[in-house]
Amino acid sequence: MKTYNKIMIYFWLATAIILFVTITYLGFTEGFDKWAYYYVFALLTVVMYFMRKWMMKREEKHLQFLEKQKENQK
């Protein structure tokens, strides 16, 4: 599961960068009045990147807590 989470973190980061660069390029070539609204999608992918990162840290802390509980029960 850790490998999947790491892959997804980098996926969302790469998607955010690609979207931002593409939207900016198209904004310069075709006009920002048409493409400015698409920055919302780039922002959503950045939010997904940080959510995934936060959830991974939360999961690690929870697993440590469960392991500590297991040790205390012995």
PDB file of N, CA and C in Angstrom:
ATOM      1  N   MET A   1       0.809  -1.191   0.000  1.00  0.00           N
ATOM      2  CA  MET A   1       0.000   0.000   0.000  1.00  0.00           C
ATOM      3  C   MET A   1       0.858   1.265   0.000  1.00  0.00           C
ATOM      4  N   LYS A   2       2.027   1.173   0.640  1.00  0.00           N
ATOM      5  CA  LYS A   2       2.907   2.341   0.669  1.00  0.00           C
ATOM      6  C   LYS A   2       3.366   2.719  -0.742  1.00  0.00           C
ATOM      7  N   THR A   3       3.666   1.726  -1.541  1.00  0.00           N
ATOM      8  CA  THR A   3       4.127   2.000  -2.903  1.00  0.00           C
ATOM      9  C   THR A   3       3.032   2.681  -3.710  1.00  0.00           C
ATOM     10  N   TYR A   4       1.816   2.192  -3.573  1.00  0.00           N
ATOM     11  CA  TYR A   4       0.689   2.793  -4.280  1.00  0.00           C
ATOM     12  C   TYR A   4       0.506   4.251  -3.864  1.00  0.00           C
ATOM     13  N   ASN A   5       0.578   4.514  -2.566  1.00  0.00           N
ATOM     14  CA  ASN A   5       0.409   5.885  -2.080  1.00  0.00           C
ATOM     15  C   ASN A   5       1.495   6.813  -2.597  1.00  0.00           C
ATOM     16  N   LYS A   6       2.725   6.334  -2.626  1.00  0.00           N
ATOM     17  CA  LYS A   6       3.814   7.167  -3.147  1.00  0.00           C
ATOM     18  C   LYS A   6       3.640   7.451  -4.637  1.00  0.00           C
ATOM     19  N   ILE A   7       3.214   6.429  -5.371  1.00  0.00           N
ATOM     20  CA  ILE A   7       2.973   6.626  -6.805  1.00  0.00           C
ATOM     21  C   ILE A   7       1.877   7.656  -7.014  1.00  0.00           C
ATOM     22  N   MET A   8       0.811   7.583  -6.223  1.00  0.00           N
ATOM     23  CA  MET A   8      -0.295   8.526  -6.374  1.00  0.00           C
ATOM     24  C   MET A   8       0.104   9.943  -5.975  1.00  0.00           C
ATOM     25  N   ILE A   9       0.972  10.086  -4.984  1.00  0.00           N
ATOM     26  CA  ILE A   9       1.457  11.419  -4.615  1.00  0.00           C
ATOM     27  C   ILE A   9       2.166  12.052  -5.803  1.00  0.00           C
ATOM     28  N   TYR A  10       3.073  11.297  -6.405  1.00  0.00           N
ATOM     29  CA  TYR A  10       3.817  11.846  -7.541  1.00  0.00           C
ATOM     30  C   TYR A  10       2.932  12.033  -8.770  1.00  0.00           C
ATOM     31  N   PHE A  11       1.909  11.185  -8.916  1.00  0.00           N
ATOM     32  CA  PHE A  11       0.959  11.345 -10.012  1.00  0.00           C
ATOM     33  C   PHE A  11       0.238  12.682  -9.901  1.00  0.00           C
ATOM     34  N   TRP A  12      -0.283  13.002  -8.705  1.00  0.00           N
ATOM     35  CA  TRP A  12      -1.013  14.261  -8.536  1.00  0.00           C
ATOM     36  C   TRP A  12      -0.093  15.462  -8.692  1.00  0.00           C
ATOM     37  N   LEU A  13       1.144  15.339  -8.215  1.00  0.00           N
ATOM     38  CA  LEU A  13       2.087  16.446  -8.375  1.00  0.00           C
ATOM     39  C   LEU A  13       2.429  16.661  -9.849  1.00  0.00           C
ATOM     40  N   ALA A  14       2.697  15.588 -10.575  1.00  0.00           N
ATOM     41  CA  ALA A  14       3.023  15.696 -12.000  1.00  0.00           C
ATOM     42  C   ALA A  14       1.830  16.225 -12.790  1.00  0.00           C
ATOM     43  N   THR A  15       0.638  15.769 -12.451  1.00  0.00           N
ATOM     44  CA  THR A  15      -0.563  16.240 -13.132  1.00  0.00           C
ATOM     45  C   THR A  15      -0.761  17.729 -12.904  1.00  0.00           C
ATOM     46  N   ALA A  16      -0.535  18.184 -11.678  1.00  0.00           N
ATOM     47  CA  ALA A  16      -0.682  19.607 -11.365  1.00  0.00           C
ATOM     48  C   ALA A  16       0.302  20.448 -12.172  1.00  0.00           C
ATOM     49  N   ILE A  17       1.539  19.996 -12.249  1.00  0.00           N
ATOM     50  CA  ILE A  17       2.559  20.746 -12.988  1.00  0.00           C
ATOM     51  C   ILE A  17       2.227  20.777 -14.476  1.00  0.00           C
ATOM     52  N   ILE A  18       1.874  19.625 -15.023  1.00  0.00           N
ATOM     53  CA  ILE A  18       1.550  19.554 -16.459  1.00  0.00           C
ATOM     54  C   ILE A  18       0.342  20.426 -16.789  1.00  0.00           C
ATOM     55  N   LEU A  19      -0.686  20.361 -15.954  1.00  0.00           N
ATOM     56  CA  LEU A  19      -1.870  21.192 -16.186  1.00  0.00           C
ATOM     57  C   LEU A  19      -1.535  22.677 -16.125  1.00  0.00           C
ATOM     58  N   PHE A  20      -0.769  23.067 -15.119  1.00  0.00           N
ATOM     59  CA  PHE A  20      -0.420  24.480 -14.962  1.00  0.00           C
ATOM     60  C   PHE A  20       0.366  24.985 -16.173  1.00  0.00           C
ATOM     61  N   VAL A  21       1.350  24.217 -16.595  1.00  0.00           N
ATOM     62  CA  VAL A  21       2.167  24.627 -17.743  1.00  0.00           C
ATOM     63  C   VAL A  21       1.319  24.676 -19.012  1.00  0.00           C
ATOM     64  N   THR A  22       0.489  23.672 -19.225  1.00  0.00           N
ATOM     65  CA  THR A  22      -0.347  23.624 -20.425  1.00  0.00           C
ATOM     66  C   THR A  22      -1.343  24.777 -20.458  1.00  0.00           C
ATOM     67  N   ILE A  23      -2.010  25.024 -19.340  1.00  0.00           N
ATOM     68  CA  ILE A  23      -2.997  26.109 -19.287  1.00  0.00           C
ATOM     69  C   ILE A  23      -2.325  27.462 -19.493  1.00  0.00           C
ATOM     70  N   THR A  24      -1.155  27.632 -18.899  1.00  0.00           N
ATOM     71  CA  THR A  24      -0.428  28.891 -19.069  1.00  0.00           C
ATOM     72  C   THR A  24      -0.019  29.086 -20.521  1.00  0.00           C
ATOM     73  N   TYR A  25       0.502  28.036 -21.149  1.00  0.00           N
ATOM     74  CA  TYR A  25       0.892  28.131 -22.558  1.00  0.00           C
ATOM     75  C   TYR A  25      -0.313  28.469 -23.442  1.00  0.00           C
ATOM     76  N   LEU A  26      -1.405  27.750 -23.236  1.00  0.00           N
ATOM     77  CA  LEU A  26      -2.600  28.017 -24.031  1.00  0.00           C
ATOM     78  C   LEU A  26      -3.166  29.409 -23.737  1.00  0.00           C
ATOM     79  N   GLY A  27      -3.006  29.861 -22.512  1.00  0.00           N
ATOM     80  CA  GLY A  27      -3.446  31.209 -22.170  1.00  0.00           C
ATOM     81  C   GLY A  27      -2.670  32.262 -22.929  1.00  0.00           C
ATOM     82  N   PHE A  28      -1.369  32.067 -23.054  1.00  0.00           N
ATOM     83  CA  PHE A  28      -0.559  33.023 -23.808  1.00  0.00           C
ATOM     84  C   PHE A  28      -0.855  32.969 -25.305  1.00  0.00           C
ATOM     85  N   THR A  29      -1.090  31.763 -25.813  1.00  0.00           N
ATOM     86  CA  THR A  29      -1.287  31.642 -27.262  1.00  0.00           C
ATOM     87  C   THR A  29      -2.703  31.983 -27.713  1.00  0.00           C
ATOM     88  N   GLU A  30      -3.705  31.608 -26.911  1.00  0.00           N
ATOM     89  CA  GLU A  30      -5.090  31.810 -27.333  1.00  0.00           C
ATOM     90  C   GLU A  30      -5.835  32.860 -26.525  1.00  0.00           C
ATOM     91  N   GLY A  31      -5.225  33.332 -25.466  1.00  0.00           N
ATOM     92  CA  GLY A  31      -5.866  34.360 -24.645  1.00  0.00           C
ATOM     93  C   GLY A  31      -6.323  33.815 -23.305  1.00  0.00           C
ATOM     94  N   PHE A  32      -6.021  34.556 -22.249  1.00  0.00           N
ATOM     95  CA  PHE A  32      -6.357  34.101 -20.904  1.00  0.00           C
ATOM     96  C   PHE A  32      -7.848  34.199 -20.602  1.00  0.00           C
ATOM     97  N   ASP A  33      -8.562  35.030 -21.321  1.00  0.00           N
ATOM     98  CA  ASP A  33      -9.996  35.129 -21.061  1.00  0.00           C
ATOM     99  C   ASP A  33     -10.699  33.798 -21.349  1.00  0.00           C
ATOM    100  N   LYS A  34     -10.128  32.996 -22.214  1.00  0.00           N
ATOM    101  CA  LYS A  34     -10.705  31.687 -22.541  1.00  0.00           C
ATOM    102  C   LYS A  34     -10.192  30.594 -21.602  1.00  0.00           C
ATOM    103  N   TRP A  35      -8.929  30.664 -21.192  1.00  0.00           N
ATOM    104  CA  TRP A  35      -8.294  29.570 -20.466  1.00  0.00           C
ATOM    105  C   TRP A  35      -8.140  29.795 -18.960  1.00  0.00           C
ATOM    106  N   ALA A  36      -8.432  30.963 -18.465  1.00  0.00           N
ATOM    107  CA  ALA A  36      -8.214  31.258 -17.043  1.00  0.00           C
ATOM    108  C   ALA A  36      -9.056  30.361 -16.134  1.00  0.00           C
ATOM    109  N   TYR A  37     -10.234  29.977 -16.569  1.00  0.00           N
ATOM    110  CA  TYR A  37     -11.114  29.153 -15.745  1.00  0.00           C
ATOM    111  C   TYR A  37     -10.552  27.750 -15.507  1.00  0.00           C
ATOM    112  N   TYR A  38      -9.662  27.307 -16.369  1.00  0.00           N
ATOM    113  CA  TYR A  38      -9.113  25.963 -16.240  1.00  0.00           C
ATOM    114  C   TYR A  38      -8.059  25.856 -15.138  1.00  0.00           C
ATOM    115  N   TYR A  39      -7.640  26.975 -14.577  1.00  0.00           N
ATOM    116  CA  TYR A  39      -6.712  26.926 -13.451  1.00  0.00           C
ATOM    117  C   TYR A  39      -7.360  26.251 -12.238  1.00  0.00           C
ATOM    118  N   VAL A  40      -8.671  26.190 -12.210  1.00  0.00           N
ATOM    119  CA  VAL A  40      -9.376  25.495 -11.126  1.00  0.00           C
ATOM    120  C   VAL A  40      -8.959  24.029 -11.099  1.00  0.00           C
ATOM    121  N   PHE A  41      -8.806  23.410 -12.255  1.00  0.00           N
ATOM    122  CA  PHE A  41      -8.407  22.009 -12.311  1.00  0.00           C
ATOM    123  C   PHE A  41      -6.976  21.816 -11.816  1.00  0.00           C
ATOM    124  N   ALA A  42      -6.104  22.751 -12.154  1.00  0.00           N
ATOM    125  CA  ALA A  42      -4.732  22.677 -11.644  1.00  0.00           C
ATOM    126  C   ALA A  42      -4.731  22.839 -10.123  1.00  0.00           C
ATOM    127  N   LEU A  43      -5.563  23.732  -9.620  1.00  0.00           N
ATOM    128  CA  LEU A  43      -5.669  23.927  -8.175  1.00  0.00           C
ATOM    129  C   LEU A  43      -6.216  22.671  -7.488  1.00  0.00           C
ATOM    130  N   LEU A  44      -7.186  22.019  -8.093  1.00  0.00           N
ATOM    131  CA  LEU A  44      -7.735  20.791  -7.517  1.00  0.00           C
ATOM    132  C   LEU A  44      -6.693  19.675  -7.439  1.00  0.00           C
ATOM    133  N   THR A  45      -5.843  19.584  -8.445  1.00  0.00           N
ATOM    134  CA  THR A  45      -4.815  18.545  -8.396  1.00  0.00           C
ATOM    135  C   THR A  45      -3.770  18.853  -7.326  1.00  0.00           C
ATOM    136  N   VAL A  46      -3.489  20.131  -7.097  1.00  0.00           N
ATOM    137  CA  VAL A  46      -2.573  20.496  -6.007  1.00  0.00           C
ATOM    138  C   VAL A  46      -3.208  20.143  -4.667  1.00  0.00           C
ATOM    139  N   VAL A  47      -4.498  20.404  -4.528  1.00  0.00           N
ATOM    140  CA  VAL A  47      -5.209  20.042  -3.292  1.00  0.00           C
ATOM    141  C   VAL A  47      -5.174  18.532  -3.088  1.00  0.00           C
ATOM    142  N   MET A  48      -5.364  17.768  -4.145  1.00  0.00           N
ATOM    143  CA  MET A  48      -5.312  16.310  -4.037  1.00  0.00           C
ATOM    144  C   MET A  48      -3.911  15.834  -3.618  1.00  0.00           C
ATOM    145  N   TYR A  49      -2.882  16.488  -4.127  1.00  0.00           N
ATOM    146  CA  TYR A  49      -1.507  16.157  -3.743  1.00  0.00           C
ATOM    147  C   TYR A  49      -1.321  16.329  -2.240  1.00  0.00           C
ATOM    148  N   PHE A  50      -1.750  17.483  -1.705  1.00  0.00           N
ATOM    149  CA  PHE A  50      -1.568  17.733  -0.279  1.00  0.00           C
ATOM    150  C   PHE A  50      -2.482  16.856   0.586  1.00  0.00           C
ATOM    151  N   MET A  51      -3.666  16.557   0.110  1.00  0.00           N
ATOM    152  CA  MET A  51      -4.551  15.655   0.858  1.00  0.00           C
ATOM    153  C   MET A  51      -3.953  14.255   0.941  1.00  0.00           C
ATOM    154  N   ARG A  52      -3.428  13.789  -0.162  1.00  0.00           N
ATOM    155  CA  ARG A  52      -2.834  12.452  -0.186  1.00  0.00           C
ATOM    156  C   ARG A  52      -1.635  12.405   0.763  1.00  0.00           C
ATOM    157  N   LYS A  53      -0.834  13.458   0.763  1.00  0.00           N
ATOM    158  CA  LYS A  53       0.331  13.522   1.637  1.00  0.00           C
ATOM    159  C   LYS A  53      -0.098  13.536   3.107  1.00  0.00           C
ATOM    160  N   TRP A  54      -1.123  14.329   3.418  1.00  0.00           N
ATOM    161  CA  TRP A  54      -1.628  14.418   4.785  1.00  0.00           C
ATOM    162  C   TRP A  54      -2.188  13.073   5.236  1.00  0.00           C
ATOM    163  N   MET A  55      -2.927  12.417   4.350  1.00  0.00           N
ATOM    164  CA  MET A  55      -3.520  11.130   4.709  1.00  0.00           C
ATOM    165  C   MET A  55      -2.454  10.051   4.916  1.00  0.00           C
ATOM    166  N   MET A  56      -1.368  10.106   4.157  1.00  0.00           N
ATOM    167  CA  MET A  56      -0.286   9.137   4.358  1.00  0.00           C
ATOM    168  C   MET A  56       0.347   9.314   5.736  1.00  0.00           C
ATOM    169  N   LYS A  57       0.586  10.566   6.135  1.00  0.00           N
ATOM    170  CA  LYS A  57       1.155  10.810   7.462  1.00  0.00           C
ATOM    171  C   LYS A  57       0.196  10.347   8.549  1.00  0.00           C
ATOM    172  N   ARG A  58      -1.079  10.597   8.350  1.00  0.00           N
ATOM    173  CA  ARG A  58      -2.094  10.193   9.309  1.00  0.00           C
ATOM    174  C   ARG A  58      -2.145   8.673   9.429  1.00  0.00           C
ATOM    175  N   GLU A  59      -2.041   7.989   8.290  1.00  0.00           N
ATOM    176  CA  GLU A  59      -2.063   6.527   8.295  1.00  0.00           C
ATOM    177  C   GLU A  59      -0.848   5.963   9.038  1.00  0.00           C
ATOM    178  N   GLU A  60       0.318   6.552   8.813  1.00  0.00           N
ATOM    179  CA  GLU A  60       1.527   6.086   9.495  1.00  0.00           C
ATOM    180  C   GLU A  60       1.411   6.258  11.005  1.00  0.00           C
ATOM    181  N   LYS A  61       0.890   7.397  11.447  1.00  0.00           N
ATOM    182  CA  LYS A  61       0.709   7.619  12.884  1.00  0.00           C
ATOM    183  C   LYS A  61      -0.281   6.618  13.460  1.00  0.00           C
ATOM    184  N   HIS A  62      -1.337   6.313  12.721  1.00  0.00           N
ATOM    185  CA  HIS A  62      -2.328   5.357  13.197  1.00  0.00           C
ATOM    186  C   HIS A  62      -1.735   3.954  13.300  1.00  0.00           C
ATOM    187  N   LEU A  63      -0.939   3.569  12.320  1.00  0.00           N
ATOM    188  CA  LEU A  63      -0.301   2.251  12.375  1.00  0.00           C
ATOM    189  C   LEU A  63       0.661   2.153  13.547  1.00  0.00           C
ATOM    190  N   GLN A  64       1.388   3.229  13.837  1.00  0.00           N
ATOM    191  CA  GLN A  64       2.279   3.244  14.998  1.00  0.00           C
ATOM    192  C   GLN A  64       1.476   3.122  16.293  1.00  0.00           C
ATOM    193  N   PHE A  65       0.346   3.806  16.348  1.00  0.00           N
ATOM    194  CA  PHE A  65      -0.522   3.724  17.526  1.00  0.00           C
ATOM    195  C   PHE A  65      -1.030   2.300  17.724  1.00  0.00           C
ATOM    196  N   LEU A  66      -1.454   1.655  16.656  1.00  0.00           N
ATOM    197  CA  LEU A  66      -1.957   0.286  16.756  1.00  0.00           C
ATOM    198  C   LEU A  66      -0.848  -0.668  17.204  1.00  0.00           C
ATOM    199  N   GLU A  67       0.347  -0.469  16.710  1.00  0.00           N
ATOM    200  CA  GLU A  67       1.459  -1.325  17.099  1.00  0.00           C
ATOM    201  C   GLU A  67       1.808  -1.127  18.560  1.00  0.00           C
ATOM    202  N   LYS A  68       1.747   0.111  19.022  1.00  0.00           N
ATOM    203  CA  LYS A  68       2.015   0.400  20.427  1.00  0.00           C
ATOM    204  C   LYS A  68       0.960  -0.248  21.316  1.00  0.00           C
ATOM    205  N   GLN A  69      -0.286  -0.242  20.884  1.00  0.00           N
ATOM    206  CA  GLN A  69      -1.355  -0.878  21.633  1.00  0.00           C
ATOM    207  C   GLN A  69      -1.143  -2.382  21.717  1.00  0.00           C
ATOM    208  N   LYS A  70      -0.685  -2.968  20.618  1.00  0.00           N
ATOM    209  CA  LYS A  70      -0.416  -4.413  20.590  1.00  0.00           C
ATOM    210  C   LYS A  70       0.681  -4.777  21.588  1.00  0.00           C
ATOM    211  N   GLU A  71       1.720  -3.941  21.647  1.00  0.00           N
ATOM    212  CA  GLU A  71       2.815  -4.202  22.583  1.00  0.00           C
ATOM    213  C   GLU A  71       2.349  -4.067  24.018  1.00  0.00           C
ATOM    214  N   ASN A  72       1.482  -3.123  24.282  1.00  0.00           N
ATOM    215  CA  ASN A  72       0.991  -2.917  25.649  1.00  0.00           C
ATOM    216  C   ASN A  72       0.084  -4.034  26.119  1.00  0.00           C
ATOM    217  N   GLN A  73      -0.575  -4.720  25.210  1.00  0.00           N
ATOM    218  CA  GLN A  73      -1.479  -5.811  25.581  1.00  0.00           C
ATOM    219  C   GLN A  73      -0.737  -7.083  25.936  1.00  0.00           C
ATOM    220  N   LYS A  74       0.501  -7.214  25.499  1.00  0.00           N
ATOM    221  CA  LYS A  74       1.265  -8.437  25.758  1.00  0.00           C
ATOM    222  C   LYS A  74       1.724  -8.514  27.172  1.00  0.00           C
TER     223      LYS A  74
END
